[in-house]
Amino acid sequence: MLQWPRAKISLQRFVRSGDATAFSEIVRRHAGLVYGACVRVLGDADRAADATQETFFQFLRDAGRITGSLPNWLHRVAMGKAVDVVRKDSSRKRREAEYADLKQRQVGEWKELSPYLTMEGQTFTAGQTMNLDAQLVKSDGKWLINGL
């Protein structure tokens, strides 16, 4: 009689009865595979740990639908979770950059602007020359400050 791989036996025990011991065994045996896949994609231990956790949450939801190899399924889901993190980060960074480009503080009078322009306690007046970290642009009679 052929012996079934331990992963398949643990999977069946978990699916049939929700056996916590079977789930713990699956996590113990496959956490390294899942975490390793996530870390290779994300390059960050904390984000990889989060993606690993999401992979096992997905396993809890879909365990009864797994028909093939459990390690293959876990690896595929882990890669998908890690790629989702990369996509979300990229999308968030793009939205933040777009917002930062649109979000320029408008100032109508020099007195509104001058409190932001200090160096070692000195407040500048409109006629002084200064070295600014912010880019100043005057448009339609208003000062635009990029980055504030």
N, C-alpha and C. Protein backbone atom coordinates (compact mmCIF):
# COMPACT_ATOMS: atom_id res chain seq x y z
N MET A 1 0.83 -1.18 0.00
CA MET A 1 0.00 0.00 0.00
C MET A 1 0.89 1.25 0.00
N LEU A 2 0.57 2.21 -0.86
CA LEU A 2 1.33 3.44 -0.96
C LEU A 2 1.03 4.34 0.24
N GLN A 3 2.07 4.99 0.73
CA GLN A 3 1.91 5.93 1.83
C GLN A 3 1.64 7.32 1.25
N TRP A 4 0.62 7.97 1.73
CA TRP A 4 0.34 9.33 1.29
C TRP A 4 1.32 10.28 1.94
N PRO A 5 1.69 11.29 1.23
CA PRO A 5 2.58 12.28 1.86
C PRO A 5 1.92 12.88 3.10
N ARG A 6 2.74 13.19 4.06
CA ARG A 6 2.23 13.75 5.32
C ARG A 6 1.40 15.00 5.11
N ALA A 7 1.80 15.84 4.15
CA ALA A 7 1.06 17.07 3.90
C ALA A 7 -0.37 16.78 3.49
N LYS A 8 -0.56 15.77 2.65
CA LYS A 8 -1.91 15.42 2.19
C LYS A 8 -2.74 14.87 3.34
N ILE A 9 -2.13 14.05 4.19
CA ILE A 9 -2.83 13.49 5.34
C ILE A 9 -3.24 14.62 6.30
N SER A 10 -2.33 15.53 6.58
CA SER A 10 -2.64 16.66 7.46
C SER A 10 -3.73 17.54 6.86
N LEU A 11 -3.66 17.76 5.56
CA LEU A 11 -4.67 18.55 4.87
C LEU A 11 -6.04 17.89 5.01
N GLN A 12 -6.10 16.59 4.77
CA GLN A 12 -7.39 15.89 4.89
C GLN A 12 -7.93 15.95 6.32
N ARG A 13 -7.05 15.77 7.32
CA ARG A 13 -7.49 15.86 8.71
C ARG A 13 -8.04 17.25 9.02
N PHE A 14 -7.36 18.27 8.52
CA PHE A 14 -7.81 19.63 8.77
C PHE A 14 -9.14 19.91 8.08
N VAL A 15 -9.27 19.49 6.82
CA VAL A 15 -10.49 19.75 6.06
C VAL A 15 -11.68 19.02 6.68
N ARG A 16 -11.48 17.78 7.06
CA ARG A 16 -12.59 16.97 7.60
C ARG A 16 -13.08 17.45 8.96
N SER A 17 -12.15 17.79 9.84
CA SER A 17 -12.57 18.06 11.22
C SER A 17 -12.08 19.39 11.78
N GLY A 18 -11.36 20.16 11.00
CA GLY A 18 -10.81 21.41 11.52
C GLY A 18 -9.77 21.18 12.60
N ASP A 19 -9.08 20.06 12.50
CA ASP A 19 -8.09 19.64 13.50
C ASP A 19 -6.98 20.69 13.63
N ALA A 20 -6.91 21.32 14.82
CA ALA A 20 -5.91 22.36 15.07
C ALA A 20 -4.49 21.79 15.02
N THR A 21 -4.33 20.56 15.45
CA THR A 21 -3.01 19.93 15.41
C THR A 21 -2.55 19.76 13.96
N ALA A 22 -3.47 19.37 13.09
CA ALA A 22 -3.15 19.21 11.67
C ALA A 22 -2.76 20.56 11.06
N PHE A 23 -3.52 21.60 11.43
CA PHE A 23 -3.19 22.94 10.92
C PHE A 23 -1.81 23.36 11.41
N SER A 24 -1.53 23.17 12.68
CA SER A 24 -0.22 23.52 13.23
C SER A 24 0.91 22.78 12.53
N GLU A 25 0.67 21.52 12.22
CA GLU A 25 1.68 20.72 11.51
C GLU A 25 1.92 21.27 10.11
N ILE A 26 0.84 21.65 9.43
CA ILE A 26 0.97 22.22 8.08
C ILE A 26 1.77 23.52 8.14
N VAL A 27 1.44 24.36 9.10
CA VAL A 27 2.16 25.63 9.23
C VAL A 27 3.63 25.37 9.55
N ARG A 28 3.89 24.49 10.50
CA ARG A 28 5.26 24.18 10.89
C ARG A 28 6.08 23.64 9.72
N ARG A 29 5.48 22.75 8.94
CA ARG A 29 6.21 22.13 7.84
C ARG A 29 6.42 23.06 6.65
N HIS A 30 5.50 24.01 6.44
CA HIS A 30 5.53 24.80 5.21
C HIS A 30 5.76 26.29 5.40
N ALA A 31 5.88 26.76 6.64
CA ALA A 31 6.08 28.19 6.87
C ALA A 31 7.37 28.69 6.24
N GLY A 32 8.42 27.89 6.28
CA GLY A 32 9.69 28.29 5.67
C GLY A 32 9.58 28.48 4.17
N LEU A 33 8.88 27.58 3.51
CA LEU A 33 8.65 27.68 2.07
C LEU A 33 7.89 28.96 1.75
N VAL A 34 6.82 29.20 2.48
CA VAL A 34 5.97 30.36 2.24
C VAL A 34 6.73 31.65 2.53
N TYR A 35 7.37 31.71 3.69
CA TYR A 35 8.11 32.91 4.08
C TYR A 35 9.26 33.18 3.10
N GLY A 36 9.97 32.14 2.70
CA GLY A 36 11.08 32.31 1.76
C GLY A 36 10.63 32.89 0.44
N ALA A 37 9.50 32.41 -0.06
CA ALA A 37 8.96 32.94 -1.32
C ALA A 37 8.61 34.42 -1.17
N CYS A 38 7.99 34.75 -0.05
CA CYS A 38 7.59 36.15 0.18
C CYS A 38 8.79 37.06 0.34
N VAL A 39 9.80 36.61 1.05
CA VAL A 39 10.99 37.44 1.28
C VAL A 39 11.74 37.67 -0.03
N ARG A 40 11.77 36.69 -0.90
CA ARG A 40 12.45 36.86 -2.19
C ARG A 40 11.77 37.93 -3.04
N VAL A 41 10.45 37.98 -2.98
CA VAL A 41 9.72 38.98 -3.77
C VAL A 41 9.79 40.35 -3.11
N LEU A 42 9.61 40.40 -1.79
CA LEU A 42 9.47 41.68 -1.09
C LEU A 42 10.79 42.26 -0.59
N GLY A 43 11.75 41.39 -0.28
CA GLY A 43 13.03 41.88 0.22
C GLY A 43 12.96 42.53 1.59
N ASP A 44 11.91 42.30 2.33
CA ASP A 44 11.73 42.91 3.65
C ASP A 44 11.10 41.87 4.58
N ALA A 45 11.76 41.63 5.71
CA ALA A 45 11.32 40.57 6.62
C ALA A 45 9.93 40.82 7.18
N ASP A 46 9.63 42.05 7.58
CA ASP A 46 8.33 42.34 8.18
C ASP A 46 7.19 42.21 7.17
N ARG A 47 7.41 42.75 5.99
CA ARG A 47 6.36 42.64 4.96
C ARG A 47 6.20 41.19 4.51
N ALA A 48 7.30 40.44 4.48
CA ALA A 48 7.21 39.02 4.13
C ALA A 48 6.45 38.25 5.19
N ALA A 49 6.65 38.58 6.46
CA ALA A 49 5.91 37.92 7.54
C ALA A 49 4.41 38.20 7.41
N ASP A 50 4.06 39.43 7.05
CA ASP A 50 2.64 39.76 6.85
C ASP A 50 2.05 38.97 5.68
N ALA A 51 2.78 38.87 4.58
CA ALA A 51 2.30 38.12 3.42
C ALA A 51 2.20 36.63 3.75
N THR A 52 3.12 36.12 4.57
CA THR A 52 3.06 34.73 5.00
C THR A 52 1.79 34.48 5.80
N GLN A 53 1.51 35.39 6.71
CA GLN A 53 0.29 35.27 7.52
C GLN A 53 -0.95 35.30 6.63
N GLU A 54 -0.97 36.21 5.65
CA GLU A 54 -2.10 36.28 4.72
C GLU A 54 -2.25 34.98 3.92
N THR A 55 -1.13 34.36 3.58
CA THR A 55 -1.18 33.09 2.85
C THR A 55 -1.86 32.01 3.68
N PHE A 56 -1.51 31.94 4.96
CA PHE A 56 -2.14 30.92 5.80
C PHE A 56 -3.59 31.25 6.13
N PHE A 57 -3.94 32.54 6.17
CA PHE A 57 -5.37 32.89 6.29
C PHE A 57 -6.13 32.41 5.05
N GLN A 58 -5.52 32.60 3.88
CA GLN A 58 -6.14 32.11 2.65
C GLN A 58 -6.28 30.59 2.69
N PHE A 59 -5.28 29.92 3.22
CA PHE A 59 -5.35 28.46 3.38
C PHE A 59 -6.53 28.08 4.26
N LEU A 60 -6.75 28.80 5.36
CA LEU A 60 -7.88 28.50 6.24
C LEU A 60 -9.21 28.61 5.49
N ARG A 61 -9.31 29.60 4.62
CA ARG A 61 -10.55 29.79 3.86
C ARG A 61 -10.73 28.75 2.76
N ASP A 62 -9.64 28.35 2.10
CA ASP A 62 -9.74 27.54 0.88
C ASP A 62 -9.23 26.12 1.01
N ALA A 63 -8.94 25.66 2.20
CA ALA A 63 -8.32 24.33 2.37
C ALA A 63 -9.13 23.23 1.69
N GLY A 64 -10.43 23.32 1.74
CA GLY A 64 -11.27 22.28 1.15
C GLY A 64 -11.25 22.25 -0.37
N ARG A 65 -10.74 23.28 -1.00
CA ARG A 65 -10.70 23.35 -2.46
C ARG A 65 -9.36 22.92 -3.05
N ILE A 66 -8.39 22.62 -2.20
CA ILE A 66 -7.06 22.25 -2.70
C ILE A 66 -7.11 20.81 -3.19
N THR A 67 -6.79 20.62 -4.47
CA THR A 67 -6.86 19.27 -5.04
C THR A 67 -5.48 18.72 -5.39
N GLY A 68 -4.53 19.60 -5.60
CA GLY A 68 -3.18 19.16 -5.98
C GLY A 68 -2.25 19.14 -4.79
N SER A 69 -1.02 19.41 -5.07
CA SER A 69 0.04 19.43 -4.06
C SER A 69 -0.13 20.62 -3.13
N LEU A 70 -0.17 20.36 -1.83
CA LEU A 70 -0.28 21.44 -0.85
C LEU A 70 0.91 22.39 -0.91
N PRO A 71 2.15 21.91 -0.94
CA PRO A 71 3.27 22.85 -1.03
C PRO A 71 3.21 23.73 -2.28
N ASN A 72 2.81 23.15 -3.41
CA ASN A 72 2.69 23.95 -4.63
C ASN A 72 1.62 25.02 -4.48
N TRP A 73 0.48 24.63 -3.90
CA TRP A 73 -0.61 25.58 -3.68
C TRP A 73 -0.14 26.72 -2.77
N LEU A 74 0.50 26.38 -1.67
CA LEU A 74 0.98 27.39 -0.72
C LEU A 74 1.99 28.33 -1.38
N HIS A 75 2.89 27.78 -2.18
CA HIS A 75 3.89 28.60 -2.86
C HIS A 75 3.22 29.56 -3.84
N ARG A 76 2.27 29.06 -4.62
CA ARG A 76 1.57 29.90 -5.59
C ARG A 76 0.82 31.03 -4.90
N VAL A 77 0.11 30.71 -3.81
CA VAL A 77 -0.64 31.74 -3.08
C VAL A 77 0.32 32.74 -2.44
N ALA A 78 1.41 32.26 -1.87
CA ALA A 78 2.40 33.16 -1.24
C ALA A 78 2.96 34.14 -2.26
N MET A 79 3.30 33.65 -3.45
CA MET A 79 3.82 34.54 -4.49
C MET A 79 2.78 35.58 -4.88
N GLY A 80 1.53 35.14 -4.99
CA GLY A 80 0.45 36.09 -5.31
C GLY A 80 0.27 37.14 -4.23
N LYS A 81 0.33 36.74 -2.97
CA LYS A 81 0.19 37.69 -1.86
C LYS A 81 1.35 38.69 -1.86
N ALA A 82 2.55 38.21 -2.09
CA ALA A 82 3.72 39.08 -2.12
C ALA A 82 3.64 40.07 -3.29
N VAL A 83 3.24 39.60 -4.44
CA VAL A 83 3.10 40.48 -5.61
C VAL A 83 1.99 41.51 -5.35
N ASP A 84 0.92 41.11 -4.67
CA ASP A 84 -0.13 42.07 -4.31
C ASP A 84 0.42 43.19 -3.43
N VAL A 85 1.30 42.85 -2.49
CA VAL A 85 1.92 43.86 -1.63
C VAL A 85 2.74 44.84 -2.48
N VAL A 86 3.50 44.31 -3.42
CA VAL A 86 4.31 45.17 -4.30
C VAL A 86 3.40 46.09 -5.11
N ARG A 87 2.32 45.54 -5.65
CA ARG A 87 1.38 46.36 -6.44
C ARG A 87 0.75 47.45 -5.59
N LYS A 88 0.31 47.09 -4.38
CA LYS A 88 -0.31 48.08 -3.50
C LYS A 88 0.68 49.18 -3.13
N ASP A 89 1.92 48.80 -2.83
CA ASP A 89 2.94 49.80 -2.50
C ASP A 89 3.19 50.73 -3.68
N SER A 90 3.30 50.16 -4.86
CA SER A 90 3.54 50.95 -6.06
C SER A 90 2.38 51.91 -6.32
N SER A 91 1.17 51.41 -6.17
CA SER A 91 -0.02 52.23 -6.39
C SER A 91 -0.10 53.35 -5.36
N ARG A 92 0.20 53.02 -4.10
CA ARG A 92 0.17 54.03 -3.04
C ARG A 92 1.21 55.11 -3.30
N LYS A 93 2.43 54.70 -3.67
CA LYS A 93 3.49 55.67 -3.93
C LYS A 93 3.14 56.57 -5.11
N ARG A 94 2.52 55.99 -6.14
CA ARG A 94 2.11 56.78 -7.30
C ARG A 94 1.05 57.80 -6.90
N ARG A 95 0.05 57.37 -6.12
CA ARG A 95 -1.00 58.29 -5.66
C ARG A 95 -0.43 59.40 -4.78
N GLU A 96 0.51 59.04 -3.89
CA GLU A 96 1.14 60.03 -3.03
C GLU A 96 1.90 61.06 -3.85
N ALA A 97 2.62 60.61 -4.87
CA ALA A 97 3.38 61.53 -5.71
C ALA A 97 2.44 62.45 -6.49
N GLU A 98 1.35 61.89 -7.02
CA GLU A 98 0.37 62.71 -7.74
C GLU A 98 -0.24 63.75 -6.81
N TYR A 99 -0.58 63.34 -5.61
CA TYR A 99 -1.18 64.26 -4.65
C TYR A 99 -0.18 65.35 -4.26
N ALA A 100 1.06 64.97 -4.04
CA ALA A 100 2.09 65.95 -3.66
C ALA A 100 2.30 66.97 -4.78
N ASP A 101 2.22 66.53 -6.03
CA ASP A 101 2.36 67.46 -7.16
C ASP A 101 1.20 68.43 -7.22
N LEU A 102 0.00 67.95 -6.91
CA LEU A 102 -1.19 68.80 -6.96
C LEU A 102 -1.33 69.67 -5.72
N LYS A 103 -0.82 69.18 -4.62
CA LYS A 103 -1.01 69.84 -3.34
C LYS A 103 0.10 70.86 -3.11
N GLN A 104 -0.06 72.02 -3.67
CA GLN A 104 0.88 73.10 -3.44
C GLN A 104 0.17 74.12 -2.56
N ARG A 105 0.85 74.54 -1.54
CA ARG A 105 0.25 75.52 -0.64
C ARG A 105 0.27 76.88 -1.33
N GLN A 106 -0.88 77.52 -1.38
CA GLN A 106 -0.98 78.84 -1.98
C GLN A 106 -0.96 79.90 -0.89
N VAL A 107 -0.16 80.91 -1.10
CA VAL A 107 -0.02 82.01 -0.15
C VAL A 107 -0.20 83.30 -0.94
N GLY A 108 -1.08 84.17 -0.46
CA GLY A 108 -1.37 85.41 -1.19
C GLY A 108 -0.49 86.57 -0.80
N GLU A 109 -0.09 86.65 0.45
CA GLU A 109 0.69 87.78 0.94
C GLU A 109 2.01 87.29 1.53
N TRP A 110 3.03 88.17 1.47
CA TRP A 110 4.34 87.81 2.00
C TRP A 110 4.23 87.49 3.49
N LYS A 111 3.39 88.16 4.24
CA LYS A 111 3.28 87.93 5.68
C LYS A 111 2.78 86.51 5.96
N GLU A 112 2.04 85.92 5.04
CA GLU A 112 1.61 84.53 5.20
C GLU A 112 2.77 83.57 4.93
N LEU A 113 3.68 83.98 4.07
CA LEU A 113 4.79 83.14 3.66
C LEU A 113 5.98 83.24 4.60
N SER A 114 6.27 84.43 5.10
CA SER A 114 7.50 84.66 5.85
C SER A 114 7.69 83.79 7.09
N PRO A 115 6.66 83.37 7.83
CA PRO A 115 6.93 82.50 8.99
C PRO A 115 7.57 81.17 8.61
N TYR A 116 7.40 80.75 7.37
CA TYR A 116 7.99 79.48 6.93
C TYR A 116 9.46 79.64 6.53
N LEU A 117 9.92 80.87 6.37
CA LEU A 117 11.25 81.13 5.85
C LEU A 117 12.13 81.71 6.95
N THR A 118 12.68 80.85 7.76
CA THR A 118 13.55 81.30 8.83
C THR A 118 14.87 80.56 8.76
N MET A 119 15.92 81.20 9.24
CA MET A 119 17.23 80.57 9.31
C MET A 119 17.85 81.01 10.62
N GLU A 120 18.09 80.04 11.50
CA GLU A 120 18.69 80.33 12.80
C GLU A 120 17.93 81.43 13.52
N GLY A 121 16.61 81.34 13.52
CA GLY A 121 15.79 82.30 14.25
C GLY A 121 15.53 83.59 13.53
N GLN A 122 16.14 83.81 12.37
CA GLN A 122 15.96 85.06 11.63
C GLN A 122 14.81 84.91 10.65
N THR A 123 13.87 85.81 10.68
CA THR A 123 12.77 85.82 9.73
C THR A 123 13.16 86.73 8.57
N PHE A 124 12.95 86.27 7.36
CA PHE A 124 13.33 87.04 6.19
C PHE A 124 12.21 88.00 5.79
N THR A 125 12.60 89.10 5.16
CA THR A 125 11.64 90.04 4.60
C THR A 125 11.61 89.83 3.10
N ALA A 126 10.63 90.44 2.45
CA ALA A 126 10.42 90.22 1.03
C ALA A 126 11.62 90.59 0.17
N GLY A 127 12.40 91.57 0.59
CA GLY A 127 13.50 92.04 -0.24
C GLY A 127 14.81 91.31 -0.03
N GLN A 128 14.90 90.42 0.94
CA GLN A 128 16.18 89.76 1.24
C GLN A 128 16.43 88.57 0.31
N THR A 129 17.72 88.36 0.06
CA THR A 129 18.13 87.18 -0.69
C THR A 129 18.30 86.03 0.28
N MET A 130 17.86 84.84 -0.10
CA MET A 130 17.95 83.71 0.82
C MET A 130 18.14 82.40 0.06
N ASN A 131 18.63 81.44 0.77
CA ASN A 131 18.77 80.08 0.23
C ASN A 131 17.61 79.27 0.79
N LEU A 132 16.71 78.85 -0.07
CA LEU A 132 15.51 78.15 0.38
C LEU A 132 15.56 76.68 0.00
N ASP A 133 15.10 75.84 0.90
CA ASP A 133 14.93 74.43 0.56
C ASP A 133 13.68 74.25 -0.30
N ALA A 134 12.66 75.05 -0.01
CA ALA A 134 11.42 74.95 -0.78
C ALA A 134 11.58 75.74 -2.08
N GLN A 135 10.88 75.35 -3.09
CA GLN A 135 10.88 76.07 -4.36
C GLN A 135 9.75 77.09 -4.31
N LEU A 136 10.08 78.34 -4.57
CA LEU A 136 9.06 79.39 -4.55
C LEU A 136 8.72 79.78 -5.98
N VAL A 137 7.45 79.89 -6.25
CA VAL A 137 6.99 80.30 -7.57
C VAL A 137 5.86 81.30 -7.35
N LYS A 138 5.92 82.42 -8.00
CA LYS A 138 4.83 83.39 -7.90
C LYS A 138 4.00 83.25 -9.16
N SER A 139 2.71 83.01 -8.95
CA SER A 139 1.81 82.80 -10.06
C SER A 139 0.50 83.51 -9.76
N ASP A 140 0.03 84.32 -10.69
CA ASP A 140 -1.23 85.05 -10.53
C ASP A 140 -1.28 85.81 -9.21
N GLY A 141 -0.16 86.41 -8.83
CA GLY A 141 -0.10 87.20 -7.62
C GLY A 141 -0.04 86.40 -6.33
N LYS A 142 0.12 85.09 -6.42
CA LYS A 142 0.19 84.24 -5.22
C LYS A 142 1.51 83.50 -5.21
N TRP A 143 2.06 83.32 -4.02
CA TRP A 143 3.27 82.52 -3.86
C TRP A 143 2.86 81.06 -3.73
N LEU A 144 3.51 80.20 -4.52
CA LEU A 144 3.28 78.77 -4.42
C LEU A 144 4.53 78.15 -3.81
N ILE A 145 4.35 77.36 -2.77
CA ILE A 145 5.47 76.72 -2.09
C ILE A 145 5.37 75.23 -2.32
N ASN A 146 6.27 74.68 -3.09
CA ASN A 146 6.28 73.23 -3.29
C ASN A 146 6.87 72.58 -2.05
N GLY A 147 6.23 71.52 -1.57
CA GLY A 147 6.76 70.75 -0.45
C GLY A 147 6.24 71.18 0.91
N LEU A 148 5.46 72.24 1.01
CA LEU A 148 4.87 72.64 2.31
C LEU A 148 3.39 72.40 2.30
